[in-house]
Amino acid sequence: MTDTITPEVSDRICKHMNDDHPDAVLLYAKAYGHMTEAEAAQMLKVDPEGMDLAVNMGSQNSTVRITFDHVLQDSEDAHQTLIAMVKTARS
């Protein structure tokens, strides 16, 4: 059984993505947040409807909300959705 997306699960997902996949987080900001000038991004929060990112665009910092294409059911759904979003953005 997988975890529902609680604040603790969100923190775990964000830490993993920020520590191990910063390139993917930046890609989310550019492709789905339409922040093509982004130089760096950090995942702040994940909930069933979407994710919040902090985005650095040189001298300007901003946040962006990216909505998922469906409501996430659990942490495994979040995992698969984030992978699919990276694959889509790269193609």
Protein backbone atom coordinates (compact mmCIF):
# COMPACT_ATOMS: atom_id res chain seq x y z
CA MET A 1 0.00 0.00 0.00
CA THR A 2 1.30 3.47 -0.84
CA ASP A 3 1.13 6.67 1.17
CA THR A 4 -1.52 9.33 0.78
CA ILE A 5 0.00 12.74 0.12
CA THR A 6 0.31 14.20 3.59
CA PRO A 7 2.59 17.15 4.42
CA GLU A 8 5.22 14.62 5.53
CA VAL A 9 5.01 12.75 2.22
CA SER A 10 5.20 16.09 0.37
CA ASP A 11 8.36 16.97 2.30
CA ARG A 12 9.90 13.58 1.43
CA ILE A 13 9.06 13.98 -2.29
CA CYS A 14 10.40 17.55 -2.37
CA LYS A 15 13.65 16.62 -0.61
CA HIS A 16 14.21 13.73 -3.01
CA MET A 17 13.48 15.82 -6.10
CA ASN A 18 15.57 18.80 -4.94
CA ASP A 19 18.53 16.66 -3.83
CA ASP A 20 18.55 14.03 -6.59
CA HIS A 21 16.73 15.56 -9.58
CA PRO A 22 17.24 19.35 -9.65
CA ASP A 23 17.36 19.22 -13.47
CA ALA A 24 13.83 17.76 -13.53
CA VAL A 25 12.53 20.43 -11.14
CA LEU A 26 14.00 23.13 -13.39
CA LEU A 27 12.39 21.46 -16.38
CA TYR A 28 8.98 21.53 -14.65
CA ALA A 29 9.40 25.29 -14.12
CA LYS A 30 10.37 25.90 -17.73
CA ALA A 31 7.95 23.54 -19.49
CA TYR A 32 4.87 23.61 -17.25
CA GLY A 33 5.36 26.88 -15.39
CA HIS A 34 6.17 28.70 -18.65
CA MET A 35 9.22 30.27 -16.98
CA THR A 36 11.64 29.76 -19.87
CA GLU A 37 14.20 32.14 -18.32
CA ALA A 38 14.47 30.05 -15.15
CA GLU A 39 18.03 29.29 -14.04
CA ALA A 40 17.18 27.19 -10.98
CA ALA A 41 14.09 25.83 -9.29
CA GLN A 42 13.24 24.14 -6.04
CA MET A 43 10.15 22.06 -5.27
CA LEU A 44 8.41 23.51 -2.23
CA LYS A 45 5.25 21.45 -1.91
CA VAL A 46 3.29 18.64 -3.58
CA ASP A 47 -0.39 18.02 -2.98
CA PRO A 48 -2.95 15.94 -4.88
CA GLU A 49 -3.75 18.81 -7.27
CA GLY A 50 -0.29 20.14 -8.08
CA MET A 51 3.12 21.36 -6.98
CA ASP A 52 4.60 24.68 -5.91
CA LEU A 53 8.07 25.66 -7.09
CA ALA A 54 10.44 28.45 -6.11
CA VAL A 55 12.09 29.70 -9.28
CA ASN A 56 15.22 31.80 -9.72
CA MET A 57 15.47 33.84 -12.90
CA GLY A 58 18.77 35.62 -12.40
CA SER A 59 18.09 38.65 -10.23
CA GLN A 60 14.41 37.76 -9.84
CA ASN A 61 12.87 35.09 -7.60
CA SER A 62 9.31 33.89 -8.01
CA THR A 63 6.99 31.03 -7.16
CA VAL A 64 4.84 29.11 -9.57
CA ARG A 65 1.97 26.65 -9.13
CA ILE A 66 1.87 23.75 -11.57
CA THR A 67 -1.39 21.85 -11.68
CA PHE A 68 -1.38 18.12 -12.44
CA ASP A 69 -3.57 16.71 -15.23
CA HIS A 70 -5.44 14.60 -12.65
CA VAL A 71 -5.86 14.43 -8.88
CA LEU A 72 -3.11 12.26 -7.42
CA GLN A 73 -4.30 9.25 -5.46
CA ASP A 74 -1.13 8.48 -3.48
CA SER A 75 2.65 8.76 -3.43
CA GLU A 76 3.08 6.11 -6.14
CA ASP A 77 0.75 8.11 -8.40
CA ALA A 78 2.89 11.19 -7.65
CA HIS A 79 6.03 9.26 -8.55
CA GLN A 80 4.64 8.03 -11.87
CA THR A 81 3.13 11.43 -12.71
CA LEU A 82 6.38 13.31 -12.09
CA ILE A 83 8.28 10.82 -14.27
CA ALA A 84 5.71 11.13 -17.06
CA MET A 85 5.87 14.93 -16.89
CA VAL A 86 9.66 14.89 -17.32
CA LYS A 87 9.41 12.50 -20.27
CA THR A 88 6.76 14.65 -21.92
CA ALA A 89 8.72 17.85 -21.37
CA ARG A 90 11.88 16.34 -22.83
CA SER A 91 10.16 15.10 -25.99
